[in-house]
C-alpha atoms as a PDB file:
ATOM      1  CA  UNK A   1     -90.672 -77.228 -81.870  1.00  0.00           C
ATOM      2  CA  UNK A   2     -88.724 -73.930 -81.198  1.00  0.00           C
ATOM      3  CA  UNK A   3     -88.050 -75.521 -77.479  1.00  0.00           C
ATOM      4  CA  UNK A   4     -87.059 -78.348 -78.678  1.00  0.00           C
ATOM      5  CA  UNK A   5     -84.550 -76.861 -80.905  1.00  0.00           C
ATOM      6  CA  UNK A   6     -83.434 -74.815 -77.829  1.00  0.00           C
ATOM      7  CA  UNK A   7     -83.143 -77.485 -75.739  1.00  0.00           C
ATOM      8  CA  UNK A   8     -81.159 -79.987 -78.055  1.00  0.00           C
ATOM      9  CA  UNK A   9     -78.865 -76.909 -78.997  1.00  0.00           C
ATOM     10  CA  UNK A  10     -78.285 -76.283 -75.282  1.00  0.00           C
ATOM     11  CA  UNK A  11     -77.308 -79.796 -74.622  1.00  0.00           C
ATOM     12  CA  UNK A  12     -75.041 -80.123 -77.342  1.00  0.00           C
ATOM     13  CA  UNK A  13     -73.547 -76.715 -76.429  1.00  0.00           C
ATOM     14  CA  UNK A  14     -72.821 -77.797 -73.128  1.00  0.00           C
ATOM     15  CA  UNK A  15     -71.169 -81.214 -74.336  1.00  0.00           C
ATOM     16  CA  UNK A  16     -69.340 -79.296 -76.882  1.00  0.00           C
ATOM     17  CA  UNK A  17     -67.851 -76.735 -74.252  1.00  0.00           C
ATOM     18  CA  UNK A  18     -67.667 -79.514 -71.307  1.00  0.00           C
ATOM     19  CA  UNK A  19     -66.421 -82.843 -73.055  1.00  0.00           C
ATOM     20  CA  UNK A  20     -63.025 -83.491 -73.439  1.00  0.00           C
ATOM     21  CA  UNK A  21     -61.905 -84.657 -76.822  1.00  0.00           C
ATOM     22  CA  UNK A  22     -60.997 -88.079 -76.995  1.00  0.00           C
ATOM     23  CA  UNK A  23     -61.896 -88.818 -73.206  1.00  0.00           C
ATOM     24  CA  UNK A  24     -64.527 -90.997 -71.580  1.00  0.00           C
ATOM     25  CA  UNK A  25     -66.601 -89.541 -68.840  1.00  0.00           C
ATOM     26  CA  UNK A  26     -66.485 -90.893 -65.481  1.00  0.00           C
ATOM     27  CA  UNK A  27     -68.818 -90.960 -62.577  1.00  0.00           C
ATOM     28  CA  UNK A  28     -65.805 -90.739 -60.514  1.00  0.00           C
ATOM     29  CA  UNK A  29     -65.024 -86.930 -61.044  1.00  0.00           C
ATOM     30  CA  UNK A  30     -65.156 -84.963 -57.867  1.00  0.00           C
ATOM     31  CA  UNK A  31     -67.612 -82.318 -57.418  1.00  0.00           C
ATOM     32  CA  UNK A  32     -65.198 -79.751 -57.396  1.00  0.00           C
ATOM     33  CA  UNK A  33     -64.139 -80.512 -61.043  1.00  0.00           C
ATOM     34  CA  UNK A  34     -66.028 -79.877 -64.179  1.00  0.00           C
ATOM     35  CA  UNK A  35     -65.690 -81.336 -67.505  1.00  0.00           C
ATOM     36  CA  UNK A  36     -63.549 -78.639 -69.616  1.00  0.00           C
ATOM     37  CA  UNK A  37     -62.966 -78.326 -73.306  1.00  0.00           C
ATOM     38  CA  UNK A  38     -60.120 -80.956 -73.973  1.00  0.00           C
ATOM     39  CA  UNK A  39     -59.502 -81.341 -70.032  1.00  0.00           C
ATOM     40  CA  UNK A  40     -61.051 -81.682 -67.051  1.00  0.00           C
ATOM     41  CA  UNK A  41     -60.911 -78.566 -64.780  1.00  0.00           C
ATOM     42  CA  UNK A  42     -61.297 -77.457 -61.248  1.00  0.00           C
ATOM     43  CA  UNK A  43     -64.599 -75.187 -60.884  1.00  0.00           C
ATOM     44  CA  UNK A  44     -62.484 -72.895 -59.479  1.00  0.00           C
ATOM     45  CA  UNK A  45     -60.874 -71.616 -62.922  1.00  0.00           C
ATOM     46  CA  UNK A  46     -64.254 -70.631 -63.899  1.00  0.00           C
ATOM     47  CA  UNK A  47     -64.899 -68.800 -60.550  1.00  0.00           C
ATOM     48  CA  UNK A  48     -61.165 -67.846 -59.575  1.00  0.00           C
ATOM     49  CA  UNK A  49     -62.685 -65.815 -56.623  1.00  0.00           C
ATOM     50  CA  UNK A  50     -64.983 -68.567 -55.436  1.00  0.00           C
ATOM     51  CA  UNK A  51     -68.292 -66.332 -55.397  1.00  0.00           C
ATOM     52  CA  UNK A  52     -70.512 -68.944 -57.029  1.00  0.00           C
ATOM     53  CA  UNK A  53     -70.703 -66.479 -60.042  1.00  0.00           C
ATOM     54  CA  UNK A  54     -68.759 -67.157 -63.404  1.00  0.00           C
ATOM     55  CA  UNK A  55     -65.891 -64.812 -63.565  1.00  0.00           C
ATOM     56  CA  UNK A  56     -66.846 -63.509 -66.795  1.00  0.00           C
ATOM     57  CA  UNK A  57     -70.572 -62.714 -65.681  1.00  0.00           C
ATOM     58  CA  UNK A  58     -69.306 -60.788 -62.834  1.00  0.00           C
ATOM     59  CA  UNK A  59     -67.124 -58.707 -65.443  1.00  0.00           C
ATOM     60  CA  UNK A  60     -70.156 -58.216 -67.503  1.00  0.00           C
ATOM     61  CA  UNK A  61     -72.407 -57.228 -64.350  1.00  0.00           C
ATOM     62  CA  UNK A  62     -69.957 -54.553 -63.737  1.00  0.00           C
ATOM     63  CA  UNK A  63     -70.150 -53.216 -67.402  1.00  0.00           C
ATOM     64  CA  UNK A  64     -73.556 -53.478 -67.558  1.00  0.00           C
ATOM     65  CA  UNK A  65     -73.370 -55.526 -70.622  1.00  0.00           C
ATOM     66  CA  UNK A  66     -74.726 -58.874 -69.189  1.00  0.00           C
ATOM     67  CA  UNK A  67     -77.332 -60.768 -71.492  1.00  0.00           C
ATOM     68  CA  UNK A  68     -80.875 -59.482 -70.377  1.00  0.00           C
ATOM     69  CA  UNK A  69     -83.928 -61.409 -70.334  1.00  0.00           C
ATOM     70  CA  UNK A  70     -85.833 -61.245 -73.368  1.00  0.00           C
ATOM     71  CA  UNK A  71     -89.521 -60.739 -71.465  1.00  0.00           C
ATOM     72  CA  UNK A  72     -88.298 -58.565 -68.587  1.00  0.00           C
ATOM     73  CA  UNK A  73     -84.824 -56.613 -69.681  1.00  0.00           C
ATOM     74  CA  UNK A  74     -84.504 -55.261 -66.099  1.00  0.00           C
ATOM     75  CA  UNK A  75     -83.193 -59.099 -65.152  1.00  0.00           C
ATOM     76  CA  UNK A  76     -80.410 -61.080 -65.963  1.00  0.00           C
ATOM     77  CA  UNK A  77     -80.717 -64.083 -68.362  1.00  0.00           C
ATOM     78  CA  UNK A  78     -78.990 -66.910 -66.259  1.00  0.00           C
ATOM     79  CA  UNK A  79     -78.049 -70.668 -65.910  1.00  0.00           C
ATOM     80  CA  UNK A  80     -78.052 -71.765 -62.229  1.00  0.00           C
ATOM     81  CA  UNK A  81     -75.894 -74.969 -61.848  1.00  0.00           C
ATOM     82  CA  UNK A  82     -76.667 -77.126 -58.431  1.00  0.00           C
ATOM     83  CA  UNK A  83     -75.004 -79.936 -57.038  1.00  0.00           C
ATOM     84  CA  UNK A  84     -78.210 -82.100 -57.367  1.00  0.00           C
ATOM     85  CA  UNK A  85     -81.416 -81.981 -59.417  1.00  0.00           C
ATOM     86  CA  UNK A  86     -83.405 -78.731 -58.867  1.00  0.00           C
ATOM     87  CA  UNK A  87     -86.190 -79.026 -56.455  1.00  0.00           C
ATOM     88  CA  UNK A  88     -89.269 -76.905 -56.350  1.00  0.00           C
ATOM     89  CA  UNK A  89     -87.669 -74.845 -53.197  1.00  0.00           C
ATOM     90  CA  UNK A  90     -84.765 -73.897 -55.758  1.00  0.00           C
ATOM     91  CA  UNK A  91     -87.278 -72.711 -58.329  1.00  0.00           C
ATOM     92  CA  UNK A  92     -89.493 -70.827 -55.327  1.00  0.00           C
ATOM     93  CA  UNK A  93     -86.549 -69.178 -54.221  1.00  0.00           C
ATOM     94  CA  UNK A  94     -85.828 -67.735 -57.619  1.00  0.00           C
ATOM     95  CA  UNK A  95     -89.688 -66.479 -57.915  1.00  0.00           C
ATOM     96  CA  UNK A  96     -89.648 -65.013 -54.232  1.00  0.00           C
ATOM     97  CA  UNK A  97     -86.626 -62.847 -55.199  1.00  0.00           C
ATOM     98  CA  UNK A  98     -88.744 -61.405 -58.162  1.00  0.00           C
ATOM     99  CA  UNK A  99     -87.150 -63.897 -60.812  1.00  0.00           C
ATOM    100  CA  UNK A 100     -88.587 -66.061 -63.586  1.00  0.00           C
ATOM    101  CA  UNK A 101     -87.857 -69.707 -64.044  1.00  0.00           C
ATOM    102  CA  UNK A 102     -87.867 -70.938 -67.662  1.00  0.00           C
ATOM    103  CA  UNK A 103     -86.681 -74.862 -67.744  1.00  0.00           C
ATOM    104  CA  UNK A 104     -85.340 -77.061 -65.218  1.00  0.00           C
ATOM    105  CA  UNK A 105     -82.764 -79.581 -66.003  1.00  0.00           C
ATOM    106  CA  UNK A 106     -82.570 -82.562 -63.855  1.00  0.00           C
ATOM    107  CA  UNK A 107     -80.864 -85.602 -65.675  1.00  0.00           C
ATOM    108  CA  UNK A 108     -78.006 -84.920 -67.850  1.00  0.00           C
ATOM    109  CA  UNK A 109     -77.252 -81.696 -65.662  1.00  0.00           C
ATOM    110  CA  UNK A 110     -78.406 -80.027 -62.877  1.00  0.00           C
ATOM    111  CA  UNK A 111     -79.622 -76.670 -63.801  1.00  0.00           C
ATOM    112  CA  UNK A 112     -82.267 -73.928 -64.127  1.00  0.00           C
ATOM    113  CA  UNK A 113     -82.493 -71.572 -66.936  1.00  0.00           C
ATOM    114  CA  UNK A 114     -83.909 -68.604 -64.751  1.00  0.00           C
ATOM    115  CA  UNK A 115     -83.675 -64.855 -64.630  1.00  0.00           C
ATOM    116  CA  UNK A 116     -83.042 -62.458 -61.661  1.00  0.00           C
ATOM    117  CA  UNK A 117     -82.842 -58.899 -61.020  1.00  0.00           C
ATOM    118  CA  UNK A 118     -79.103 -58.050 -60.878  1.00  0.00           C
ATOM    119  CA  UNK A 119     -79.052 -57.055 -57.209  1.00  0.00           C
ATOM    120  CA  UNK A 120     -80.627 -60.604 -56.093  1.00  0.00           C
ATOM    121  CA  UNK A 121     -77.792 -62.934 -57.450  1.00  0.00           C
ATOM    122  CA  UNK A 122     -75.634 -62.984 -54.276  1.00  0.00           C
ATOM    123  CA  UNK A 123     -78.918 -62.981 -52.038  1.00  0.00           C
ATOM    124  CA  UNK A 124     -79.949 -66.166 -53.932  1.00  0.00           C
ATOM    125  CA  UNK A 125     -76.572 -67.969 -53.815  1.00  0.00           C
ATOM    126  CA  UNK A 126     -76.368 -67.087 -50.025  1.00  0.00           C
ATOM    127  CA  UNK A 127     -79.720 -68.435 -49.202  1.00  0.00           C
ATOM    128  CA  UNK A 128     -79.309 -71.633 -51.446  1.00  0.00           C
ATOM    129  CA  UNK A 129     -75.890 -73.370 -50.373  1.00  0.00           C
ATOM    130  CA  UNK A 130     -76.679 -76.171 -53.173  1.00  0.00           C
ATOM    131  CA  UNK A 131     -75.732 -73.729 -55.847  1.00  0.00           C
ATOM    132  CA  UNK A 132     -72.611 -74.554 -57.759  1.00  0.00           C
ATOM    133  CA  UNK A 133     -72.069 -72.138 -60.448  1.00  0.00           C
ATOM    134  CA  UNK A 134     -74.228 -69.162 -61.860  1.00  0.00           C
ATOM    135  CA  UNK A 135     -73.433 -68.143 -65.329  1.00  0.00           C
ATOM    136  CA  UNK A 136     -74.890 -66.102 -68.025  1.00  0.00           C
ATOM    137  CA  UNK A 137     -77.440 -67.876 -70.339  1.00  0.00           C
ATOM    138  CA  UNK A 138     -75.162 -67.790 -73.562  1.00  0.00           C
ATOM    139  CA  UNK A 139     -76.451 -68.663 -77.270  1.00  0.00           C
ATOM    140  CA  UNK A 140     -75.048 -71.528 -78.294  1.00  0.00           C
ATOM    141  CA  UNK A 141     -75.120 -72.623 -82.407  1.00  0.00           C
ATOM    142  CA  UNK A 142     -73.909 -75.939 -82.492  1.00  0.00           C
ATOM    143  CA  UNK A 143     -72.820 -77.510 -85.828  1.00  0.00           C
ATOM    144  CA  UNK A 144     -71.926 -81.296 -86.327  1.00  0.00           C
ATOM    145  CA  UNK A 145     -68.487 -80.272 -87.491  1.00  0.00           C
ATOM    146  CA  UNK A 146     -67.404 -80.697 -84.002  1.00  0.00           C
ATOM    147  CA  UNK A 147     -70.075 -82.562 -82.277  1.00  0.00           C
ATOM    148  CA  UNK A 148     -69.437 -85.426 -84.529  1.00  0.00           C
ATOM    149  CA  UNK A 149     -65.599 -85.351 -83.113  1.00  0.00           C
ATOM    150  CA  UNK A 150     -66.847 -85.109 -79.556  1.00  0.00           C
ATOM    151  CA  UNK A 151     -68.796 -88.052 -79.449  1.00  0.00           C
ATOM    152  CA  UNK A 152     -66.674 -90.235 -82.204  1.00  0.00           C
ATOM    153  CA  UNK A 153     -69.348 -90.264 -84.466  1.00  0.00           C
ATOM    154  CA  UNK A 154     -68.345 -90.947 -87.916  1.00  0.00           C
END
């Protein structure tokens, strides 16, 4: 039951963060764009230096304040987004680099919840050209106050 709650929280959180208010979804959005809060934004606005690592995560890695894996605090707790549904080879590469794979999403979003040793994040991106963005796995606490407005529920 706890896993289901986390999945629902993650999906609702993604919708809250990435769904624009009052706008419909379009399948014609270029892959260089993501749906941001209140607008569609270029992925470059999340990753200004085009390293495929979110700027927020880069700052936290330098300051050593990143979210750590609960099971292995020596690893960074990550969400890795792809330009396709994640495959077994995407997950195998994470394991080969000393990481752990916890969840995989291949319908609503193409992403993997994983952890990697800090020094292997760049190597994973270099070896896997299908990676779009690596972000810190952040906690979300969804409430109906905003999510109902996002999906136009009454």
